[in-house]
C-alpha atoms as a PDB file:
ATOM      1  CA  MET A   1      -5.797  11.063   4.983  1.00  0.00           C
ATOM      2  CA  PHE A   2      -4.945   7.836   3.186  1.00  0.00           C
ATOM      3  CA  LEU A   3      -1.266   6.881   3.396  1.00  0.00           C
ATOM      4  CA  GLY A   4       0.893   3.850   2.679  1.00  0.00           C
ATOM      5  CA  GLN A   5       0.777   0.720   0.530  1.00  0.00           C
ATOM      6  CA  TYR A   6      -0.943  -2.561   1.325  1.00  0.00           C
ATOM      7  CA  THR A   7      -1.283  -5.846  -0.511  1.00  0.00           C
ATOM      8  CA  HIS A   8      -4.518  -7.854  -0.348  1.00  0.00           C
ATOM      9  CA  SER A   9      -6.240 -10.340  -2.607  1.00  0.00           C
ATOM     10  CA  ILE A  10      -9.619  -9.929  -4.233  1.00  0.00           C
ATOM     11  CA  ASP A  11     -11.697 -13.040  -3.709  1.00  0.00           C
ATOM     12  CA  SER A  12     -13.710 -14.793  -6.418  1.00  0.00           C
ATOM     13  CA  LYS A  13     -16.797 -12.715  -5.549  1.00  0.00           C
ATOM     14  CA  GLY A  14     -14.931  -9.431  -5.986  1.00  0.00           C
ATOM     15  CA  ARG A  15     -14.479  -8.568  -2.313  1.00  0.00           C
ATOM     16  CA  LEU A  16     -11.349  -6.726  -1.239  1.00  0.00           C
ATOM     17  CA  ILE A  17     -10.134  -6.272   2.337  1.00  0.00           C
ATOM     18  CA  ILE A  18      -9.599  -2.608   3.157  1.00  0.00           C
ATOM     19  CA  PRO A  19      -6.651  -1.767   5.437  1.00  0.00           C
ATOM     20  CA  VAL A  20      -7.699  -1.292   9.050  1.00  0.00           C
ATOM     21  CA  ARG A  21      -6.244   2.249   9.053  1.00  0.00           C
ATOM     22  CA  PHE A  22      -8.630   3.266   6.243  1.00  0.00           C
ATOM     23  CA  ARG A  23     -11.846   1.776   7.595  1.00  0.00           C
ATOM     24  CA  ALA A  24     -12.934   4.564   9.949  1.00  0.00           C
ATOM     25  CA  SER A  25     -12.879   7.038   7.043  1.00  0.00           C
ATOM     26  CA  LEU A  26     -15.167   4.728   5.048  1.00  0.00           C
ATOM     27  CA  ALA A  27     -17.633   4.034   7.861  1.00  0.00           C
ATOM     28  CA  SER A  28     -20.354   6.118   6.183  1.00  0.00           C
ATOM     29  CA  GLY A  29     -19.686   4.569   2.776  1.00  0.00           C
ATOM     30  CA  ALA A  30     -17.431   5.253  -0.163  1.00  0.00           C
ATOM     31  CA  TYR A  31     -17.354   5.495  -3.935  1.00  0.00           C
ATOM     32  CA  VAL A  32     -15.110   3.534  -6.263  1.00  0.00           C
ATOM     33  CA  THR A  33     -14.453   4.954  -9.718  1.00  0.00           C
ATOM     34  CA  GLN A  34     -12.081   4.459 -12.621  1.00  0.00           C
ATOM     35  CA  GLY A  35      -8.574   5.840 -12.214  1.00  0.00           C
ATOM     36  CA  PHE A  36      -6.364   7.091 -15.020  1.00  0.00           C
ATOM     37  CA  GLU A  37      -3.845   4.235 -15.249  1.00  0.00           C
ATOM     38  CA  ARG A  38      -6.209   1.245 -15.335  1.00  0.00           C
ATOM     39  CA  ASN A  39      -6.500   1.479 -11.565  1.00  0.00           C
ATOM     40  CA  LEU A  40      -9.396   2.453  -9.300  1.00  0.00           C
ATOM     41  CA  PHE A  41      -9.890   5.474  -7.057  1.00  0.00           C
ATOM     42  CA  VAL A  42     -11.765   5.130  -3.767  1.00  0.00           C
ATOM     43  CA  TYR A  43     -13.241   8.316  -2.298  1.00  0.00           C
ATOM     44  CA  THR A  44     -15.018   8.871   0.973  1.00  0.00           C
ATOM     45  CA  THR A  45     -18.645   9.834   0.477  1.00  0.00           C
ATOM     46  CA  GLU A  46     -17.832  13.437   1.412  1.00  0.00           C
ATOM     47  CA  ASN A  47     -14.948  13.738  -1.058  1.00  0.00           C
ATOM     48  CA  PHE A  48     -16.867  12.065  -3.866  1.00  0.00           C
ATOM     49  CA  GLN A  49     -19.759  14.479  -3.345  1.00  0.00           C
ATOM     50  CA  LYS A  50     -17.325  17.393  -3.723  1.00  0.00           C
ATOM     51  CA  LEU A  51     -15.967  15.859  -6.917  1.00  0.00           C
ATOM     52  CA  ALA A  52     -19.489  15.208  -8.201  1.00  0.00           C
ATOM     53  CA  LEU A  53     -20.515  18.807  -7.533  1.00  0.00           C
ATOM     54  CA  ARG A  54     -17.584  20.102  -9.578  1.00  0.00           C
ATOM     55  CA  ALA A  55     -18.378  17.654 -12.387  1.00  0.00           C
ATOM     56  CA  THR A  56     -22.048  18.632 -12.519  1.00  0.00           C
ATOM     57  CA  GLN A  57     -21.050  22.273 -12.924  1.00  0.00           C
ATOM     58  CA  LEU A  58     -19.380  21.463 -16.240  1.00  0.00           C
ATOM     59  CA  THR A  59     -21.455  22.355 -19.266  1.00  0.00           C
ATOM     60  CA  THR A  60     -23.093  19.497 -21.108  1.00  0.00           C
ATOM     61  CA  THR A  61     -22.555  21.306 -24.407  1.00  0.00           C
ATOM     62  CA  ASP A  62     -18.796  20.616 -24.208  1.00  0.00           C
ATOM     63  CA  PRO A  63     -17.856  17.103 -25.457  1.00  0.00           C
ATOM     64  CA  GLU A  64     -14.871  16.925 -23.065  1.00  0.00           C
ATOM     65  CA  ALA A  65     -17.112  17.816 -20.129  1.00  0.00           C
ATOM     66  CA  ARG A  66     -19.524  15.051 -21.127  1.00  0.00           C
ATOM     67  CA  ALA A  67     -16.620  12.610 -21.298  1.00  0.00           C
ATOM     68  CA  ILE A  68     -15.503  13.663 -17.820  1.00  0.00           C
ATOM     69  CA  ARG A  69     -19.012  13.061 -16.501  1.00  0.00           C
ATOM     70  CA  ARG A  70     -19.083   9.602 -18.104  1.00  0.00           C
ATOM     71  CA  VAL A  71     -15.784   8.649 -16.510  1.00  0.00           C
ATOM     72  CA  ILE A  72     -16.735   9.978 -13.068  1.00  0.00           C
ATOM     73  CA  PHE A  73     -20.346   8.808 -12.916  1.00  0.00           C
ATOM     74  CA  GLY A  74     -20.550   5.968 -15.432  1.00  0.00           C
ATOM     75  CA  GLY A  75     -17.398   4.412 -14.063  1.00  0.00           C
ATOM     76  CA  ALA A  76     -18.403   4.674 -10.399  1.00  0.00           C
ATOM     77  CA  THR A  77     -20.260   2.697  -7.800  1.00  0.00           C
ATOM     78  CA  GLU A  78     -21.160   3.264  -4.172  1.00  0.00           C
ATOM     79  CA  VAL A  79     -19.731   0.720  -1.726  1.00  0.00           C
ATOM     80  CA  GLN A  80     -20.099  -0.137   1.951  1.00  0.00           C
ATOM     81  CA  LEU A  81     -17.702  -1.950   4.236  1.00  0.00           C
ATOM     82  CA  ASP A  82     -19.014  -5.349   5.290  1.00  0.00           C
ATOM     83  CA  SER A  83     -18.627  -6.747   8.811  1.00  0.00           C
ATOM     84  CA  THR A  84     -15.094  -7.974   8.036  1.00  0.00           C
ATOM     85  CA  GLY A  85     -13.853  -4.705   6.486  1.00  0.00           C
ATOM     86  CA  ARG A  86     -14.244  -5.625   2.815  1.00  0.00           C
ATOM     87  CA  ILE A  87     -15.808  -3.781  -0.105  1.00  0.00           C
ATOM     88  CA  LEU A  88     -17.420  -5.424  -3.099  1.00  0.00           C
ATOM     89  CA  ILE A  89     -15.973  -4.229  -6.379  1.00  0.00           C
ATOM     90  CA  PRO A  90     -18.400  -4.854  -9.249  1.00  0.00           C
ATOM     91  CA  PRO A  91     -17.285  -6.852 -12.290  1.00  0.00           C
ATOM     92  CA  PHE A  92     -17.064  -3.864 -14.672  1.00  0.00           C
ATOM     93  CA  LEU A  93     -14.549  -2.117 -12.399  1.00  0.00           C
ATOM     94  CA  ARG A  94     -12.574  -5.310 -11.720  1.00  0.00           C
ATOM     95  CA  GLU A  95     -12.334  -5.832 -15.473  1.00  0.00           C
ATOM     96  CA  TYR A  96     -11.285  -2.219 -16.094  1.00  0.00           C
ATOM     97  CA  ALA A  97      -8.440  -2.439 -13.538  1.00  0.00           C
ATOM     98  CA  LYS A  98      -7.592  -6.093 -14.294  1.00  0.00           C
ATOM     99  CA  LEU A  99      -8.188  -7.075 -10.680  1.00  0.00           C
ATOM    100  CA  ASP A 100      -8.266 -10.835 -10.367  1.00  0.00           C
ATOM    101  CA  GLY A 101      -6.071 -11.794  -7.458  1.00  0.00           C
ATOM    102  CA  GLU A 102      -3.364  -9.924  -5.634  1.00  0.00           C
ATOM    103  CA  SER A 103      -4.030  -6.196  -5.482  1.00  0.00           C
ATOM    104  CA  THR A 104      -2.151  -3.236  -4.080  1.00  0.00           C
ATOM    105  CA  ILE A 105      -3.901  -0.456  -2.191  1.00  0.00           C
ATOM    106  CA  VAL A 106      -2.008   2.832  -2.369  1.00  0.00           C
ATOM    107  CA  GLY A 107      -2.769   5.890  -0.251  1.00  0.00           C
ATOM    108  CA  ALA A 108      -3.070   9.111  -2.240  1.00  0.00           C
ATOM    109  CA  GLY A 109      -4.133  11.686   0.351  1.00  0.00           C
ATOM    110  CA  GLU A 110      -7.865  12.376   0.117  1.00  0.00           C
ATOM    111  CA  TYR A 111      -8.470   9.125  -1.760  1.00  0.00           C
ATOM    112  CA  PHE A 112      -6.723   5.810  -2.252  1.00  0.00           C
ATOM    113  CA  GLU A 113      -6.028   3.720  -5.314  1.00  0.00           C
ATOM    114  CA  ILE A 114      -6.499   0.029  -6.018  1.00  0.00           C
ATOM    115  CA  TRP A 115      -4.069  -1.526  -8.495  1.00  0.00           C
ATOM    116  CA  ASN A 116      -3.486  -4.904 -10.038  1.00  0.00           C
ATOM    117  CA  ALA A 117      -0.289  -5.927  -8.192  1.00  0.00           C
ATOM    118  CA  GLU A 118       1.729  -6.442 -11.391  1.00  0.00           C
ATOM    119  CA  THR A 119       0.588  -3.122 -12.856  1.00  0.00           C
ATOM    120  CA  TRP A 120       1.508  -1.370  -9.591  1.00  0.00           C
ATOM    121  CA  SER A 121       4.979  -2.951  -9.647  1.00  0.00           C
ATOM    122  CA  ALA A 122       5.552  -1.462 -13.086  1.00  0.00           C
ATOM    123  CA  GLU A 123       4.189   1.939 -11.977  1.00  0.00           C
ATOM    124  CA  LEU A 124       6.359   1.861  -8.869  1.00  0.00           C
ATOM    125  CA  VAL A 125       9.508   1.865 -11.016  1.00  0.00           C
ATOM    126  CA  GLY A 126       8.676   5.383 -12.218  1.00  0.00           C
ATOM    127  CA  VAL A 127       7.315   6.552  -8.874  1.00  0.00           C
ATOM    128  CA  THR A 128      10.536   5.673  -7.073  1.00  0.00           C
ATOM    129  CA  ASP A 129      13.076   6.863  -9.672  1.00  0.00           C
ATOM    130  CA  PRO A 130      15.188   9.518  -7.888  1.00  0.00           C
ATOM    131  CA  ASP A 131      16.081  11.466 -11.038  1.00  0.00           C
ATOM    132  CA  VAL A 132      12.494  11.571 -12.252  1.00  0.00           C
ATOM    133  CA  ASN A 133      11.282  12.613  -8.799  1.00  0.00           C
ATOM    134  CA  ALA A 134      13.870  15.386  -8.592  1.00  0.00           C
ATOM    135  CA  ARG A 135      12.412  16.845 -11.809  1.00  0.00           C
ATOM    136  CA  ARG A 136       8.811  16.279 -10.682  1.00  0.00           C
ATOM    137  CA  PHE A 137       9.281  18.050  -7.390  1.00  0.00           C
ATOM    138  CA  SER A 138      11.475  20.891  -8.654  1.00  0.00           C
ATOM    139  CA  GLN A 139       8.447  23.159  -9.124  1.00  0.00           C
ATOM    140  CA  PHE A 140       6.767  22.317  -5.780  1.00  0.00           C
ATOM    141  CA  ASP A 141       7.395  24.172  -2.555  1.00  0.00           C
ATOM    142  CA  LEU A 142       7.249  21.367  -0.008  1.00  0.00           C
ATOM    143  CA  SER A 143       8.192  23.497   2.992  1.00  0.00           C
ATOM    144  CA  ALA A 144       5.948  23.102   6.026  1.00  0.00           C
ATOM    145  CA  GLY A 145       5.782  26.851   6.609  1.00  0.00           C
END
């Protein structure tokens, strides 16, 4: 499970250091794909394969299903950790998420997100608003039992 927030810089070649706590989960590889807020999602190979299976079960006769496939597959790349715990994010994904320096890595459970640090700061305002969160969570049963 991916938890927490971390700040790292992307170097000029597009390499991003992955938090040490996340590396064991990515040992067999990972997939980076477009997120929904001009961010990136990083899935373990196992979780991306589950996502891909669901996407391939969508009918190609539905225009929305085709769009979903384009986002998931056309906006994705397979990555491997290098010897120093970095992944290489290709230019098209760096451009999509406006990654060109300081980045924020945000745990999201079965995947994690990569954000431009400024974009994440703006997103964080809404994510940490107590009144908004009270409404968001009003319909969720968060009990452990």
